[in-house]
């Protein structure tokens, strides 16, 4: 399987310290049970943890980046070893002055390559690994150099304050909307800066149209809704941290113990999704993140076919569109059904408001 669409991408650093897709959409559409066999893009690991918490037979965490898997491996070791309070401090959700000491408790549980990597990146551990990714540093730059010049912290806090839909719209119109906000958007969320500072220029090659204008339109709609008040993704973007009311699914108090109990269900594999899927034939569920965004049509179809050919009958595929409209069921009608009603219902409540839609396909 060709992977020349990735040959110019640098995989020597952590790109995402957290997952930026709403795992609640996967959980609702997948309805996992003990017979489920899941293959999932790894990224920061968080969504793999949430999927494993449902106690499927296994969750294969896949990433082309070995370094991303080092991050997932460290998080897994910490979850297995620490209670929730200690884990929250160690990875960076809460303050902790003893992160390096706690790391030394975990080194024997890491592979040699992962330990070598983290031994050479102890500053990231000391500062909290959930803030270390390129994408997270992009939002740190955004807050420091852009956001703080437009809105005070009081205004940011006001956006998340509980209020009615009517009051949320009033707050946006009276306090949040500012011509400087739109101007800032055009610069910071433009294709050039998002590619260079946030994602990767290679990941933006297939995108057509204005990224900043599209994101702004989606953002305005979301900020006027009451759903933004509890959105952990938005909270991190605007505050560069999480709090107890705005947390990823896997570390919420009601979920952490289930994640911890099911850590051994996770298998780490480096490689392209299509190739790894062929090594785990008969999987029933696939979290594909937004991997198709980066591919031309040839790669899109070939990767899709590789996944479908290895999948169980009635297997479900869940994935997101960002700027590219990609639905495998449109290209591979003989193999897939587009679950349109379910996809639209879930897309409407996606906390990852920057995505255009969430798609569920089912293998025929």
Protein backbone atom coordinates (compact mmCIF):
# COMPACT_ATOMS: atom_id res chain seq x y z
CA UNK A 1 0.00 0.00 0.00
CA UNK A 2 1.46 3.34 -1.02
CA UNK A 3 2.05 6.02 1.60
CA UNK A 4 3.73 8.71 -0.49
CA UNK A 5 1.16 11.23 0.79
CA UNK A 6 3.06 11.04 4.12
CA UNK A 7 6.64 10.92 2.89
CA UNK A 8 7.26 14.62 3.62
CA UNK A 9 5.61 14.62 7.05
CA UNK A 10 7.87 14.87 10.10
CA UNK A 11 6.95 12.21 12.67
CA UNK A 12 9.84 12.89 15.06
CA UNK A 13 7.78 14.85 17.59
CA UNK A 14 4.42 14.62 19.34
CA UNK A 15 1.80 16.33 17.23
CA UNK A 16 -1.21 15.83 19.53
CA UNK A 17 -1.00 15.43 23.31
CA UNK A 18 -4.78 15.04 23.53
CA UNK A 19 -7.47 13.72 21.20
CA UNK A 20 -9.49 16.44 19.48
CA UNK A 21 -12.45 14.35 18.33
CA UNK A 22 -15.59 13.93 20.43
CA UNK A 23 -15.48 10.33 21.64
CA UNK A 24 -19.12 10.50 22.77
CA UNK A 25 -20.07 10.25 19.08
CA UNK A 26 -18.05 7.06 18.70
CA UNK A 27 -19.49 5.55 21.87
CA UNK A 28 -23.06 6.26 20.84
CA UNK A 29 -22.69 5.03 17.27
CA UNK A 30 -20.57 1.96 18.10
CA UNK A 31 -22.55 0.55 21.07
CA UNK A 32 -19.64 -1.68 22.05
CA UNK A 33 -19.92 -4.96 23.95
CA UNK A 34 -17.63 -7.79 25.04
CA UNK A 35 -17.58 -9.25 21.51
CA UNK A 36 -16.53 -6.00 19.83
CA UNK A 37 -13.12 -5.79 18.19
CA UNK A 38 -11.99 -2.19 17.78
CA UNK A 39 -9.26 -0.58 15.71
CA UNK A 40 -8.70 3.09 16.46
CA UNK A 41 -6.37 5.88 15.45
CA UNK A 42 -4.18 6.44 18.52
CA UNK A 43 -3.30 10.15 18.42
CA UNK A 44 -3.10 11.20 22.10
CA UNK A 45 -4.61 7.90 23.24
CA UNK A 46 -7.61 9.40 25.04
CA UNK A 47 -10.30 8.03 22.72
CA UNK A 48 -8.72 4.59 22.71
CA UNK A 49 -8.95 4.63 26.51
CA UNK A 50 -12.63 5.58 26.40
CA UNK A 51 -13.34 2.83 23.88
CA UNK A 52 -11.46 0.28 25.99
CA UNK A 53 -13.53 1.30 29.02
CA UNK A 54 -16.54 -0.31 27.32
CA UNK A 55 -14.77 -3.69 27.76
CA UNK A 56 -14.55 -4.87 24.11
CA UNK A 57 -12.40 -7.87 23.23
CA UNK A 58 -9.59 -5.52 22.22
CA UNK A 59 -8.74 -2.01 21.05
CA UNK A 60 -5.85 -1.74 18.61
CA UNK A 61 -4.37 1.77 18.90
CA UNK A 62 -2.82 2.59 15.51
CA UNK A 63 -0.57 5.46 14.51
CA UNK A 64 1.93 6.06 11.74
CA UNK A 65 3.95 8.02 14.30
CA UNK A 66 5.99 5.90 16.70
CA UNK A 67 6.43 8.95 18.92
CA UNK A 68 2.65 9.29 19.34
CA UNK A 69 2.62 5.69 20.54
CA UNK A 70 5.34 6.54 23.07
CA UNK A 71 2.91 9.11 24.49
CA UNK A 72 0.07 6.59 24.63
CA UNK A 73 2.39 4.05 26.24
CA UNK A 74 3.37 6.51 28.98
CA UNK A 75 -0.25 7.44 29.65
CA UNK A 76 -1.18 3.75 29.83
CA UNK A 77 1.60 3.02 32.31
CA UNK A 78 0.49 5.97 34.45
CA UNK A 79 -3.18 4.93 34.38
CA UNK A 80 -2.27 1.39 35.40
CA UNK A 81 -0.05 2.63 38.23
CA UNK A 82 -1.80 5.71 39.63
CA UNK A 83 -5.16 6.55 41.10
CA UNK A 84 -7.13 9.27 39.37
CA UNK A 85 -5.87 12.14 41.54
CA UNK A 86 -2.22 11.19 41.00
CA UNK A 87 -2.71 10.64 37.27
CA UNK A 88 -4.42 14.02 36.87
CA UNK A 89 -1.44 15.73 38.44
CA UNK A 90 1.20 13.70 36.62
CA UNK A 91 -0.02 14.33 33.06
CA UNK A 92 -0.92 18.00 33.62
CA UNK A 93 -4.63 18.32 34.36
CA UNK A 94 -3.75 19.45 37.89
CA UNK A 95 -0.60 20.95 39.46
CA UNK A 96 2.07 18.48 40.60
CA UNK A 97 5.61 19.31 41.74
CA UNK A 98 6.68 15.66 41.69
CA UNK A 99 6.14 14.66 38.05
CA UNK A 100 9.73 13.61 37.41
CA UNK A 101 9.74 11.50 40.56
CA UNK A 102 6.51 9.85 39.46
CA UNK A 103 7.98 9.27 36.01
CA UNK A 104 10.84 7.31 37.60
CA UNK A 105 8.20 5.01 39.09
CA UNK A 106 6.99 4.21 35.58
CA UNK A 107 10.23 3.62 33.64
CA UNK A 108 10.32 -0.12 34.35
CA UNK A 109 6.87 -0.41 32.78
CA UNK A 110 7.91 1.22 29.48
CA UNK A 111 9.53 -0.34 26.44
CA UNK A 112 13.19 0.53 25.96
CA UNK A 113 12.45 2.84 23.03
CA UNK A 114 9.69 4.69 24.87
CA UNK A 115 11.86 5.14 27.95
CA UNK A 116 14.74 6.45 25.84
CA UNK A 117 12.40 8.98 24.24
CA UNK A 118 10.98 10.22 27.55
CA UNK A 119 14.38 10.24 29.25
CA UNK A 120 15.34 12.74 26.57
CA UNK A 121 12.15 14.79 27.01
CA UNK A 122 11.88 15.16 30.75
CA UNK A 123 11.03 18.84 30.46
CA UNK A 124 7.77 17.81 28.78
CA UNK A 125 7.03 15.49 31.71
CA UNK A 126 7.88 18.18 34.25
CA UNK A 127 5.55 20.68 32.55
CA UNK A 128 2.75 18.12 32.00
CA UNK A 129 2.62 15.90 28.92
CA UNK A 130 -0.92 16.90 27.91
CA UNK A 131 0.43 20.38 27.05
CA UNK A 132 3.43 19.19 25.05
CA UNK A 133 2.03 18.50 21.57
CA UNK A 134 2.51 20.79 18.60
CA UNK A 135 -1.26 21.31 18.36
CA UNK A 136 -1.50 22.24 22.06
CA UNK A 137 1.43 24.67 21.74
CA UNK A 138 -0.40 26.21 18.80
CA UNK A 139 -3.29 27.09 21.13
CA UNK A 140 -0.85 28.35 23.75
CA UNK A 141 0.53 30.71 21.12
CA UNK A 142 -3.03 31.68 20.19
CA UNK A 143 -3.96 32.62 23.75
CA UNK A 144 -0.79 34.56 24.50
CA UNK A 145 -0.30 36.42 21.23
CA UNK A 146 -3.86 36.81 19.95
CA UNK A 147 -6.72 36.05 22.33
CA UNK A 148 -5.46 38.15 25.25
CA UNK A 149 -5.32 41.19 22.97
CA UNK A 150 -9.03 40.84 22.16
CA UNK A 151 -10.75 39.45 25.28
CA UNK A 152 -10.02 39.67 28.99
CA UNK A 153 -10.15 36.56 31.14
CA UNK A 154 -13.44 37.78 32.62
CA UNK A 155 -15.01 37.72 29.14
CA UNK A 156 -13.60 34.24 28.48
CA UNK A 157 -15.01 33.04 31.81
CA UNK A 158 -18.34 34.62 30.94
CA UNK A 159 -18.59 32.57 27.78
CA UNK A 160 -18.66 29.37 29.84
CA UNK A 161 -20.93 30.64 32.62
CA UNK A 162 -24.27 28.75 32.80
CA UNK A 163 -27.02 30.68 31.03
CA UNK A 164 -30.03 30.20 28.81
CA UNK A 165 -29.77 29.96 25.03
CA UNK A 166 -31.19 33.47 24.76
CA UNK A 167 -28.64 34.84 27.22
CA UNK A 168 -25.83 32.97 25.46
CA UNK A 169 -26.72 34.67 22.18
CA UNK A 170 -26.91 38.04 23.95
CA UNK A 171 -23.50 37.46 25.55
CA UNK A 172 -21.96 36.61 22.18
CA UNK A 173 -23.43 39.67 20.46
CA UNK A 174 -22.68 42.14 23.24
CA UNK A 175 -19.40 40.90 24.72
CA UNK A 176 -17.73 38.37 22.45
CA UNK A 177 -18.23 39.66 18.93
CA UNK A 178 -15.48 42.11 18.06
CA UNK A 179 -14.07 43.05 14.63
CA UNK A 180 -10.65 42.23 16.04
CA UNK A 181 -11.83 38.65 16.69
CA UNK A 182 -12.65 38.16 13.01
CA UNK A 183 -9.37 39.77 11.96
CA UNK A 184 -7.45 37.56 14.37
CA UNK A 185 -9.24 34.50 13.00
CA UNK A 186 -8.21 35.24 9.44
CA UNK A 187 -4.56 35.26 10.51
CA UNK A 188 -4.32 32.57 13.14
CA UNK A 189 -6.63 29.99 11.62
CA UNK A 190 -5.54 30.55 8.05
CA UNK A 191 -4.17 27.65 6.05
CA UNK A 192 -0.55 28.84 6.29
CA UNK A 193 -0.36 29.30 10.06
CA UNK A 194 -2.56 26.30 10.88
CA UNK A 195 -0.37 24.15 8.66
CA UNK A 196 2.94 25.49 9.95
CA UNK A 197 2.19 25.96 13.65
CA UNK A 198 -0.75 23.62 14.28
CA UNK A 199 -0.93 20.60 12.02
CA UNK A 200 1.48 20.09 9.11
CA UNK A 201 1.66 21.77 5.69
CA UNK A 202 1.40 18.33 4.07
CA UNK A 203 -1.93 17.75 5.84
CA UNK A 204 -3.38 20.90 4.28
CA UNK A 205 -2.60 20.13 0.64
CA UNK A 206 -5.99 18.67 -0.26
CA UNK A 207 -7.94 21.53 1.33
CA UNK A 208 -9.81 23.98 -0.89
CA UNK A 209 -11.37 27.27 0.22
CA UNK A 210 -10.76 29.50 3.24
CA UNK A 211 -10.03 27.53 6.41
CA UNK A 212 -10.34 30.58 8.67
CA UNK A 213 -13.72 31.66 7.27
CA UNK A 214 -15.09 28.14 7.51
CA UNK A 215 -13.93 27.64 11.10
CA UNK A 216 -15.24 31.06 12.09
CA UNK A 217 -18.69 30.28 10.69
CA UNK A 218 -18.85 27.00 12.63
CA UNK A 219 -17.47 28.68 15.73
CA UNK A 220 -20.01 31.51 15.75
CA UNK A 221 -22.84 28.99 15.63
CA UNK A 222 -21.31 27.01 18.49
CA UNK A 223 -20.51 30.00 20.70
CA UNK A 224 -24.13 31.11 20.48
CA UNK A 225 -25.34 27.75 21.78
CA UNK A 226 -25.52 26.56 25.38
CA UNK A 227 -23.42 23.52 24.38
CA UNK A 228 -20.27 25.61 24.31
CA UNK A 229 -20.56 26.13 28.07
CA UNK A 230 -19.50 22.54 28.80
CA UNK A 231 -17.19 21.95 25.83
CA UNK A 232 -13.74 20.74 27.01
CA UNK A 233 -12.12 21.34 23.60
CA UNK A 234 -13.22 24.97 23.50
CA UNK A 235 -12.27 25.41 27.16
CA UNK A 236 -8.72 24.25 26.45
CA UNK A 237 -8.37 26.40 23.35
CA UNK A 238 -9.36 29.54 25.29
CA UNK A 239 -7.72 28.69 28.64
CA UNK A 240 -4.83 26.33 27.77
CA UNK A 241 -6.02 23.99 30.50
CA UNK A 242 -8.92 21.77 31.52
CA UNK A 243 -10.91 21.96 34.73
CA UNK A 244 -13.16 19.53 36.57
CA UNK A 245 -16.21 20.70 34.61
CA UNK A 246 -14.43 20.52 31.25
CA UNK A 247 -12.56 17.22 30.97
CA UNK A 248 -11.94 14.59 28.30
CA UNK A 249 -14.24 11.60 28.70
CA UNK A 250 -11.61 9.14 29.92
CA UNK A 251 -10.52 11.13 32.99
CA UNK A 252 -13.96 12.11 34.26
CA UNK A 253 -14.55 10.77 37.75
CA UNK A 254 -17.27 8.37 36.58
CA UNK A 255 -15.07 6.87 33.84
CA UNK A 256 -11.48 6.67 35.09
CA UNK A 257 -11.92 3.45 37.08
CA UNK A 258 -13.41 1.72 34.02
CA UNK A 259 -10.49 2.91 31.89
CA UNK A 260 -8.04 1.63 34.49
CA UNK A 261 -9.74 -1.78 34.69
CA UNK A 262 -9.54 -2.25 30.92
CA UNK A 263 -6.08 -0.96 30.04
CA UNK A 264 -4.83 -4.44 29.16
CA UNK A 265 -7.33 -4.59 26.29
CA UNK A 266 -5.27 -2.02 24.35
CA UNK A 267 -2.69 -3.13 21.78
CA UNK A 268 -0.28 -0.57 20.31
CA UNK A 269 0.61 -0.85 16.62
CA UNK A 270 2.61 1.47 14.39
CA UNK A 271 1.62 1.79 10.75
CA UNK A 272 -1.06 2.86 8.31
CA UNK A 273 -4.62 2.05 9.33
CA UNK A 274 -5.28 -0.05 6.21
CA UNK A 275 -2.20 -2.22 6.78
CA UNK A 276 -2.85 -2.73 10.49
CA UNK A 277 -6.50 -3.54 9.76
CA UNK A 278 -5.32 -6.39 7.51
CA UNK A 279 -3.30 -7.75 10.44
CA UNK A 280 -6.45 -7.79 12.60
CA UNK A 281 -9.04 -9.24 10.26
CA UNK A 282 -12.61 -9.38 11.47
CA UNK A 283 -12.63 -6.18 13.49
CA UNK A 284 -16.12 -4.83 14.14
CA UNK A 285 -15.49 -1.13 14.74
CA UNK A 286 -13.05 1.42 13.32
CA UNK A 287 -12.33 4.89 14.67
CA UNK A 288 -10.67 6.57 11.68
CA UNK A 289 -10.43 10.07 13.15
CA UNK A 290 -10.09 12.41 10.14
CA UNK A 291 -7.35 10.51 8.29
CA UNK A 292 -9.08 10.82 4.91
CA UNK A 293 -8.61 14.59 5.06
CA UNK A 294 -4.95 14.18 4.17
CA UNK A 295 -5.39 11.92 1.14
CA UNK A 296 -6.03 12.44 -2.52
CA UNK A 297 -8.87 10.38 -4.03
CA UNK A 298 -6.58 7.52 -5.03
CA UNK A 299 -5.28 7.05 -1.50
CA UNK A 300 -8.74 7.65 -0.05
CA UNK A 301 -10.22 4.76 -2.02
CA UNK A 302 -7.27 2.38 -1.60
CA UNK A 303 -7.12 2.92 2.18
CA UNK A 304 -10.88 2.52 2.43
CA UNK A 305 -10.83 -0.74 0.47
CA UNK A 306 -8.03 -2.13 2.65
CA UNK A 307 -10.08 -1.46 5.76
CA UNK A 308 -13.33 -2.83 4.32
CA UNK A 309 -11.71 -6.00 3.00
CA UNK A 310 -10.42 -6.85 6.47
CA UNK A 311 -13.60 -5.92 8.36
CA UNK A 312 -16.32 -8.15 9.73
CA UNK A 313 -19.78 -8.07 8.16
CA UNK A 314 -21.85 -5.23 9.60
CA UNK A 315 -18.68 -3.56 10.93
CA UNK A 316 -18.99 0.16 11.62
CA UNK A 317 -16.61 2.91 10.53
CA UNK A 318 -16.70 6.28 12.27
CA UNK A 319 -14.74 9.31 11.04
CA UNK A 320 -14.79 13.08 10.72
CA UNK A 321 -14.64 15.61 7.89
CA UNK A 322 -12.86 18.90 8.52
CA UNK A 323 -12.55 20.82 5.25
CA UNK A 324 -12.79 17.97 2.76
CA UNK A 325 -16.12 16.29 2.04
CA UNK A 326 -15.18 12.62 2.16
CA UNK A 327 -17.71 9.80 2.53
CA UNK A 328 -16.43 6.31 1.73
CA UNK A 329 -19.96 5.12 1.03
CA UNK A 330 -20.15 7.52 -1.92
CA UNK A 331 -17.07 5.97 -3.50
CA UNK A 332 -17.58 2.35 -2.45
CA UNK A 333 -21.35 1.88 -2.65
CA UNK A 334 -21.06 -1.83 -3.26
CA UNK A 335 -19.35 -2.33 0.12
CA UNK A 336 -20.81 0.29 2.47
CA UNK A 337 -24.02 1.88 3.70
CA UNK A 338 -24.04 5.50 4.82
CA UNK A 339 -26.00 5.73 8.07
CA UNK A 340 -27.26 9.18 7.22
CA UNK A 341 -29.82 9.76 9.97
CA UNK A 342 -27.46 8.63 12.72
CA UNK A 343 -24.55 10.60 11.26
CA UNK A 344 -26.55 13.81 11.06
CA UNK A 345 -27.95 13.41 14.56
CA UNK A 346 -24.47 12.93 16.02
CA UNK A 347 -22.90 15.70 13.93
CA UNK A 348 -25.45 18.14 15.35
CA UNK A 349 -24.11 17.65 18.88
CA UNK A 350 -20.41 17.27 18.09
CA UNK A 351 -18.28 19.12 20.66
CA UNK A 352 -15.55 19.22 18.03
CA UNK A 353 -17.45 22.08 16.40
CA UNK A 354 -14.59 22.79 13.97
CA UNK A 355 -15.39 19.56 12.10
CA UNK A 356 -17.99 19.81 9.35
CA UNK A 357 -19.58 16.43 10.03
CA UNK A 358 -19.22 13.01 11.62
CA UNK A 359 -19.85 10.01 9.35
CA UNK A 360 -20.92 6.48 10.20
CA UNK A 361 -20.57 3.80 7.51
CA UNK A 362 -21.61 0.17 7.87
CA UNK A 363 -20.04 -2.71 5.95
CA UNK A 364 -22.58 -4.65 3.88
